[in-house]
Amino acid sequence: MRKWMCVPMMTLCLLLAGCAGGTGAGEEADAAALRAPYANMTGCEMEAEIVWSEGDQEWRAEVRCEYVPDGETTVEVLSPETIAGVRAVVTGEDLKLEYEDLCLGAGTLSSQQVSPMACLPRLMSALRDGWLLEENREDWNEIPCVRLTVDQSGTQDGKILSTLWLNTADGTPVRGEIAVDDEIILTADFTGFSFYDTMEPVEQAG
């Protein structure tokens, strides 16, 4: 408990709190082929740097996520050092925070309240189930990619769009963005990714 009290609460609260075109037939086939491994996977492990803003301040955290579709997904903070080890457990729309022997409920994620800790699971869910809106070829950091934008809005008012840049060489994610009502609130730059039981870990080029 004493160690928990040393965690900077502003950073931790921001990490957990909710944040406020046409495609041709050939392109659709490309998108379907790229998304198929995500739809069929038993799970994946990934690392990324998550960036979000609160007012005029920008926040960053490196996280590792073990994503299990329709199961228990875990997200662990790797940096900054002051909150490294904080873990979120996502089951459906439930989010719990764990730190050593402490476990706290962190509220329910609505379709308008997207937590930074749920950024990577949401991007994977979007690849699996989102409605494809746009697709085009676009490099990211000199990596040839296919850029997909999918709609994963909930039943409530408000639009949630996820955009992902997938490496054309192996289909792994390079970059992700989540926008609510046309405002980008979360970005993810992937530094590692692997499917369970299907491929070796892939480190993204810098």
C-alpha atoms as a PDB file:
ATOM      1  CA  MET A   1       0.000   0.000   0.000  1.00  0.00           C
ATOM      2  CA  ARG A   2       2.828   2.377   0.811  1.00  0.00           C
ATOM      3  CA  LYS A   3       4.309   1.853  -2.634  1.00  0.00           C
ATOM      4  CA  TRP A   4       0.949   2.613  -4.222  1.00  0.00           C
ATOM      5  CA  MET A   5       0.826   5.991  -2.516  1.00  0.00           C
ATOM      6  CA  CYS A   6       4.119   6.915  -4.239  1.00  0.00           C
ATOM      7  CA  VAL A   7       2.552   6.665  -7.692  1.00  0.00           C
ATOM      8  CA  PRO A   8       1.941  10.150  -9.174  1.00  0.00           C
ATOM      9  CA  MET A   9      -1.826  10.283  -9.016  1.00  0.00           C
ATOM     10  CA  MET A  10      -2.261  12.851 -11.804  1.00  0.00           C
ATOM     11  CA  THR A  11      -0.502  10.619 -14.340  1.00  0.00           C
ATOM     12  CA  LEU A  12      -2.316   7.529 -13.090  1.00  0.00           C
ATOM     13  CA  CYS A  13      -5.746   9.156 -13.175  1.00  0.00           C
ATOM     14  CA  LEU A  14      -5.166  10.431 -16.702  1.00  0.00           C
ATOM     15  CA  LEU A  15      -4.030   6.973 -17.800  1.00  0.00           C
ATOM     16  CA  LEU A  16      -7.240   5.385 -16.533  1.00  0.00           C
ATOM     17  CA  ALA A  17      -9.794   8.153 -17.012  1.00  0.00           C
ATOM     18  CA  GLY A  18     -12.098   8.374 -20.018  1.00  0.00           C
ATOM     19  CA  CYS A  19     -11.185  10.914 -22.685  1.00  0.00           C
ATOM     20  CA  ALA A  20     -13.414  13.008 -23.996  1.00  0.00           C
ATOM     21  CA  GLY A  21     -14.379   7.557 -48.338  1.00  0.00           C
ATOM     22  CA  GLY A  22     -14.994   4.990 -50.726  1.00  0.00           C
ATOM     23  CA  THR A  23     -12.918   1.872 -51.425  1.00  0.00           C
ATOM     24  CA  GLY A  24     -12.638  -0.106 -54.636  1.00  0.00           C
ATOM     25  CA  ALA A  25     -13.266  -3.825 -54.930  1.00  0.00           C
ATOM     26  CA  GLY A  26      -9.539  -4.612 -55.094  1.00  0.00           C
ATOM     27  CA  GLU A  27      -8.830  -2.527 -52.013  1.00  0.00           C
ATOM     28  CA  GLU A  28     -11.620  -4.267 -50.097  1.00  0.00           C
ATOM     29  CA  ALA A  29     -10.015  -7.618 -50.904  1.00  0.00           C
ATOM     30  CA  ASP A  30      -6.677  -6.337 -49.575  1.00  0.00           C
ATOM     31  CA  ALA A  31      -8.337  -5.106 -46.380  1.00  0.00           C
ATOM     32  CA  ALA A  32     -10.141  -8.402 -45.868  1.00  0.00           C
ATOM     33  CA  ALA A  33      -6.901 -10.360 -46.299  1.00  0.00           C
ATOM     34  CA  LEU A  34      -5.025  -8.116 -43.856  1.00  0.00           C
ATOM     35  CA  ARG A  35      -7.779  -8.297 -41.250  1.00  0.00           C
ATOM     36  CA  ALA A  36      -8.347 -12.059 -41.502  1.00  0.00           C
ATOM     37  CA  PRO A  37      -5.486 -13.034 -39.115  1.00  0.00           C
ATOM     38  CA  TYR A  38      -6.899 -10.670 -36.491  1.00  0.00           C
ATOM     39  CA  ALA A  39     -10.400 -12.069 -36.855  1.00  0.00           C
ATOM     40  CA  ASN A  40      -9.101 -15.629 -36.487  1.00  0.00           C
ATOM     41  CA  MET A  41      -6.395 -15.171 -33.856  1.00  0.00           C
ATOM     42  CA  THR A  42      -6.495 -16.749 -30.402  1.00  0.00           C
ATOM     43  CA  GLY A  43      -4.624 -13.717 -29.088  1.00  0.00           C
ATOM     44  CA  CYS A  44      -1.586 -11.508 -29.507  1.00  0.00           C
ATOM     45  CA  GLU A  45       1.116  -9.734 -27.529  1.00  0.00           C
ATOM     46  CA  MET A  46       2.168  -6.195 -28.377  1.00  0.00           C
ATOM     47  CA  GLU A  47       4.103  -3.216 -27.065  1.00  0.00           C
ATOM     48  CA  ALA A  48       3.531   0.411 -27.969  1.00  0.00           C
ATOM     49  CA  GLU A  49       3.992   3.984 -26.862  1.00  0.00           C
ATOM     50  CA  ILE A  50       0.612   5.552 -26.087  1.00  0.00           C
ATOM     51  CA  VAL A  51       0.264   9.339 -26.327  1.00  0.00           C
ATOM     52  CA  TRP A  52      -2.684  11.472 -25.242  1.00  0.00           C
ATOM     53  CA  SER A  53      -3.357  15.062 -24.214  1.00  0.00           C
ATOM     54  CA  GLU A  54      -5.065  16.627 -21.242  1.00  0.00           C
ATOM     55  CA  GLY A  55      -5.571  20.346 -21.753  1.00  0.00           C
ATOM     56  CA  ASP A  56      -2.246  21.756 -22.966  1.00  0.00           C
ATOM     57  CA  GLN A  57      -0.208  18.882 -21.488  1.00  0.00           C
ATOM     58  CA  GLU A  58       0.900  15.788 -23.381  1.00  0.00           C
ATOM     59  CA  TRP A  59       1.256  12.426 -21.641  1.00  0.00           C
ATOM     60  CA  ARG A  60       3.164   9.339 -22.765  1.00  0.00           C
ATOM     61  CA  ALA A  61       3.348   5.776 -21.522  1.00  0.00           C
ATOM     62  CA  GLU A  62       4.972   2.637 -22.892  1.00  0.00           C
ATOM     63  CA  VAL A  63       2.714  -0.364 -22.388  1.00  0.00           C
ATOM     64  CA  ARG A  64       2.672  -4.104 -23.018  1.00  0.00           C
ATOM     65  CA  CYS A  65      -0.638  -5.738 -23.863  1.00  0.00           C
ATOM     66  CA  GLU A  66      -1.639  -9.396 -23.966  1.00  0.00           C
ATOM     67  CA  TYR A  67      -4.880  -9.351 -25.926  1.00  0.00           C
ATOM     68  CA  VAL A  68      -7.287 -12.291 -25.788  1.00  0.00           C
ATOM     69  CA  PRO A  69     -10.488 -11.929 -27.825  1.00  0.00           C
ATOM     70  CA  ASP A  70     -13.578 -12.559 -25.695  1.00  0.00           C
ATOM     71  CA  GLY A  71     -11.297 -13.302 -22.746  1.00  0.00           C
ATOM     72  CA  GLU A  72      -9.182 -11.524 -20.152  1.00  0.00           C
ATOM     73  CA  THR A  73      -6.843  -8.951 -21.669  1.00  0.00           C
ATOM     74  CA  THR A  74      -4.041  -7.420 -19.622  1.00  0.00           C
ATOM     75  CA  VAL A  75      -2.205  -4.132 -20.141  1.00  0.00           C
ATOM     76  CA  GLU A  76       0.939  -3.326 -18.145  1.00  0.00           C
ATOM     77  CA  VAL A  77       2.749   0.025 -17.953  1.00  0.00           C
ATOM     78  CA  LEU A  78       6.466  -0.288 -18.792  1.00  0.00           C
ATOM     79  CA  SER A  79       7.320   3.408 -18.466  1.00  0.00           C
ATOM     80  CA  PRO A  80       7.500   6.067 -17.104  1.00  0.00           C
ATOM     81  CA  GLU A  81       9.349   4.422 -14.224  1.00  0.00           C
ATOM     82  CA  THR A  82       7.157   6.131 -11.632  1.00  0.00           C
ATOM     83  CA  ILE A  83       4.124   4.066 -12.664  1.00  0.00           C
ATOM     84  CA  ALA A  84       5.839   1.034 -14.213  1.00  0.00           C
ATOM     85  CA  GLY A  85       4.115  -2.166 -13.143  1.00  0.00           C
ATOM     86  CA  VAL A  86       0.595  -0.764 -13.044  1.00  0.00           C
ATOM     87  CA  ARG A  87      -1.664  -3.305 -14.736  1.00  0.00           C
ATOM     88  CA  ALA A  88      -5.149  -3.016 -16.195  1.00  0.00           C
ATOM     89  CA  VAL A  89      -7.309  -6.082 -16.730  1.00  0.00           C
ATOM     90  CA  VAL A  90      -9.960  -5.679 -19.414  1.00  0.00           C
ATOM     91  CA  THR A  91     -12.875  -8.108 -19.665  1.00  0.00           C
ATOM     92  CA  GLY A  92     -15.537  -6.869 -22.035  1.00  0.00           C
ATOM     93  CA  GLU A  93     -16.146  -3.276 -20.958  1.00  0.00           C
ATOM     94  CA  ASP A  94     -14.885  -3.763 -17.389  1.00  0.00           C
ATOM     95  CA  LEU A  95     -11.541  -2.241 -16.475  1.00  0.00           C
ATOM     96  CA  LYS A  96      -9.657  -3.025 -13.277  1.00  0.00           C
ATOM     97  CA  LEU A  97      -6.391  -1.548 -12.045  1.00  0.00           C
ATOM     98  CA  GLU A  98      -3.854  -3.734 -10.271  1.00  0.00           C
ATOM     99  CA  TYR A  99      -0.679  -2.678  -8.462  1.00  0.00           C
ATOM    100  CA  GLU A 100       1.162  -5.325  -6.454  1.00  0.00           C
ATOM    101  CA  ASP A 101      -1.522  -6.736  -4.123  1.00  0.00           C
ATOM    102  CA  LEU A 102      -3.955  -3.879  -4.743  1.00  0.00           C
ATOM    103  CA  CYS A 103      -6.899  -4.205  -7.112  1.00  0.00           C
ATOM    104  CA  LEU A 104      -9.302  -1.323  -7.722  1.00  0.00           C
ATOM    105  CA  GLY A 105     -12.339  -1.026  -9.924  1.00  0.00           C
ATOM    106  CA  ALA A 106     -11.728   1.662 -12.532  1.00  0.00           C
ATOM    107  CA  GLY A 107     -15.232   2.171 -13.815  1.00  0.00           C
ATOM    108  CA  THR A 108     -16.953   1.124 -17.003  1.00  0.00           C
ATOM    109  CA  LEU A 109     -15.858   2.278 -20.452  1.00  0.00           C
ATOM    110  CA  SER A 110     -18.706   3.796 -22.411  1.00  0.00           C
ATOM    111  CA  SER A 111     -18.599   4.381 -26.147  1.00  0.00           C
ATOM    112  CA  GLN A 112     -17.544   8.002 -25.490  1.00  0.00           C
ATOM    113  CA  GLN A 113     -15.041   7.398 -22.668  1.00  0.00           C
ATOM    114  CA  VAL A 114     -11.946   5.765 -24.083  1.00  0.00           C
ATOM    115  CA  SER A 115      -9.213   5.010 -21.555  1.00  0.00           C
ATOM    116  CA  PRO A 116      -5.537   5.171 -22.592  1.00  0.00           C
ATOM    117  CA  MET A 117      -5.074   1.794 -20.897  1.00  0.00           C
ATOM    118  CA  ALA A 118      -7.702   0.334 -23.243  1.00  0.00           C
ATOM    119  CA  CYS A 119      -6.178   1.865 -26.388  1.00  0.00           C
ATOM    120  CA  LEU A 120      -4.477  -1.291 -27.703  1.00  0.00           C
ATOM    121  CA  PRO A 121      -7.394  -3.646 -26.956  1.00  0.00           C
ATOM    122  CA  ARG A 122      -9.742  -1.223 -28.708  1.00  0.00           C
ATOM    123  CA  LEU A 123      -7.501  -1.074 -31.773  1.00  0.00           C
ATOM    124  CA  MET A 124      -7.441  -4.865 -31.969  1.00  0.00           C
ATOM    125  CA  SER A 125     -11.202  -5.031 -31.515  1.00  0.00           C
ATOM    126  CA  ALA A 126     -11.604  -2.462 -34.297  1.00  0.00           C
ATOM    127  CA  LEU A 127      -9.495  -4.578 -36.660  1.00  0.00           C
ATOM    128  CA  ARG A 128     -11.620  -7.607 -35.844  1.00  0.00           C
ATOM    129  CA  ASP A 129     -15.111  -6.129 -35.862  1.00  0.00           C
ATOM    130  CA  GLY A 130     -15.075  -2.513 -37.053  1.00  0.00           C
ATOM    131  CA  TRP A 131     -16.892  -1.343 -40.190  1.00  0.00           C
ATOM    132  CA  LEU A 132     -14.364  -0.444 -42.898  1.00  0.00           C
ATOM    133  CA  LEU A 133     -14.692   3.166 -44.030  1.00  0.00           C
ATOM    134  CA  GLU A 134     -11.418   3.957 -45.795  1.00  0.00           C
ATOM    135  CA  GLU A 135      -8.354   2.190 -47.150  1.00  0.00           C
ATOM    136  CA  ASN A 136      -5.278   3.467 -48.920  1.00  0.00           C
ATOM    137  CA  ARG A 137      -1.551   2.872 -49.244  1.00  0.00           C
ATOM    138  CA  GLU A 138       0.432   5.199 -47.019  1.00  0.00           C
ATOM    139  CA  ASP A 139       3.962   4.937 -45.600  1.00  0.00           C
ATOM    140  CA  TRP A 140       4.558   5.515 -41.904  1.00  0.00           C
ATOM    141  CA  ASN A 141       8.148   6.308 -40.871  1.00  0.00           C
ATOM    142  CA  GLU A 142       9.267   5.021 -44.268  1.00  0.00           C
ATOM    143  CA  ILE A 143       7.509   1.670 -43.713  1.00  0.00           C
ATOM    144  CA  PRO A 144       5.142   0.770 -46.588  1.00  0.00           C
ATOM    145  CA  CYS A 145       1.688   0.375 -45.036  1.00  0.00           C
ATOM    146  CA  VAL A 146      -1.974  -0.071 -45.783  1.00  0.00           C
ATOM    147  CA  ARG A 147      -3.953   2.523 -43.848  1.00  0.00           C
ATOM    148  CA  LEU A 148      -7.402   1.386 -42.659  1.00  0.00           C
ATOM    149  CA  THR A 149     -10.055   3.495 -40.950  1.00  0.00           C
ATOM    150  CA  VAL A 150     -12.892   1.588 -39.293  1.00  0.00           C
ATOM    151  CA  ASP A 151     -16.003   2.699 -37.446  1.00  0.00           C
ATOM    152  CA  GLN A 152     -16.647   1.118 -34.061  1.00  0.00           C
ATOM    153  CA  SER A 153     -19.194   3.531 -32.646  1.00  0.00           C
ATOM    154  CA  GLY A 154     -21.334   2.286 -29.796  1.00  0.00           C
ATOM    155  CA  THR A 155     -25.051   2.416 -29.346  1.00  0.00           C
ATOM    156  CA  GLN A 156     -24.826   5.816 -27.636  1.00  0.00           C
ATOM    157  CA  ASP A 157     -24.405   9.123 -29.451  1.00  0.00           C
ATOM    158  CA  GLY A 158     -20.875   9.875 -30.588  1.00  0.00           C
ATOM    159  CA  LYS A 159     -18.629   8.421 -33.280  1.00  0.00           C
ATOM    160  CA  ILE A 160     -15.492   6.389 -32.547  1.00  0.00           C
ATOM    161  CA  LEU A 161     -13.130   5.850 -35.477  1.00  0.00           C
ATOM    162  CA  SER A 162      -9.947   3.791 -35.316  1.00  0.00           C
ATOM    163  CA  THR A 163      -7.208   4.201 -37.916  1.00  0.00           C
ATOM    164  CA  LEU A 164      -4.376   1.682 -38.245  1.00  0.00           C
ATOM    165  CA  TRP A 165      -1.307   1.519 -40.438  1.00  0.00           C
ATOM    166  CA  LEU A 166      -0.521  -2.156 -41.191  1.00  0.00           C
ATOM    167  CA  ASN A 167       2.886  -3.157 -42.532  1.00  0.00           C
ATOM    168  CA  THR A 168       2.392  -4.442 -46.077  1.00  0.00           C
ATOM    169  CA  ALA A 169       5.222  -6.961 -45.575  1.00  0.00           C
ATOM    170  CA  ASP A 170       3.620  -8.940 -42.746  1.00  0.00           C
ATOM    171  CA  GLY A 171       0.324  -7.232 -41.815  1.00  0.00           C
ATOM    172  CA  THR A 172       1.482  -6.215 -38.328  1.00  0.00           C
ATOM    173  CA  PRO A 173       0.398  -2.844 -36.903  1.00  0.00           C
ATOM    174  CA  VAL A 174       2.836   0.049 -37.072  1.00  0.00           C
ATOM    175  CA  ARG A 175       0.644   2.951 -35.919  1.00  0.00           C
ATOM    176  CA  GLY A 176      -2.834   3.396 -34.497  1.00  0.00           C
ATOM    177  CA  GLU A 177      -5.112   6.346 -33.768  1.00  0.00           C
ATOM    178  CA  ILE A 178      -8.466   6.574 -32.025  1.00  0.00           C
ATOM    179  CA  ALA A 179     -10.726   9.538 -32.721  1.00  0.00           C
ATOM    180  CA  VAL A 180     -13.953  10.459 -30.937  1.00  0.00           C
ATOM    181  CA  ASP A 181     -16.257  12.833 -32.808  1.00  0.00           C
ATOM    182  CA  ASP A 182     -13.475  13.596 -35.328  1.00  0.00           C
ATOM    183  CA  GLU A 183     -10.907  14.505 -32.637  1.00  0.00           C
ATOM    184  CA  ILE A 184      -7.861  12.249 -32.271  1.00  0.00           C
ATOM    185  CA  ILE A 185      -7.590  11.488 -28.551  1.00  0.00           C
ATOM    186  CA  LEU A 186      -5.136   8.569 -28.498  1.00  0.00           C
ATOM    187  CA  THR A 187      -2.199   7.481 -30.643  1.00  0.00           C
ATOM    188  CA  ALA A 188      -0.148   4.297 -30.461  1.00  0.00           C
ATOM    189  CA  ASP A 189       3.256   3.690 -32.042  1.00  0.00           C
ATOM    190  CA  PHE A 190       3.894  -0.050 -31.999  1.00  0.00           C
ATOM    191  CA  THR A 191       7.362  -1.281 -31.040  1.00  0.00           C
ATOM    192  CA  GLY A 192       6.628  -5.020 -31.029  1.00  0.00           C
ATOM    193  CA  PHE A 193       3.874  -7.426 -32.055  1.00  0.00           C
ATOM    194  CA  SER A 194       3.269 -11.175 -32.331  1.00  0.00           C
ATOM    195  CA  PHE A 195       0.260 -13.446 -32.763  1.00  0.00           C
ATOM    196  CA  TYR A 196      -0.074 -16.348 -30.327  1.00  0.00           C
ATOM    197  CA  ASP A 197       1.138 -19.633 -31.851  1.00  0.00           C
ATOM    198  CA  THR A 198       1.356 -18.265 -35.368  1.00  0.00           C
ATOM    199  CA  MET A 199       4.474 -16.122 -35.733  1.00  0.00           C
ATOM    200  CA  GLU A 200       7.644 -14.974 -34.039  1.00  0.00           C
ATOM    201  CA  PRO A 201       7.663 -11.541 -32.337  1.00  0.00           C
ATOM    202  CA  VAL A 202       8.205  -8.690 -34.790  1.00  0.00           C
ATOM    203  CA  GLU A 203      10.084  -5.560 -33.724  1.00  0.00           C
ATOM    204  CA  GLN A 204       8.978  -2.471 -35.592  1.00  0.00           C
ATOM    205  CA  ALA A 205      11.607  -0.413 -37.371  1.00  0.00           C
ATOM    206  CA  GLY A 206      12.421   2.894 -35.751  1.00  0.00           C
END
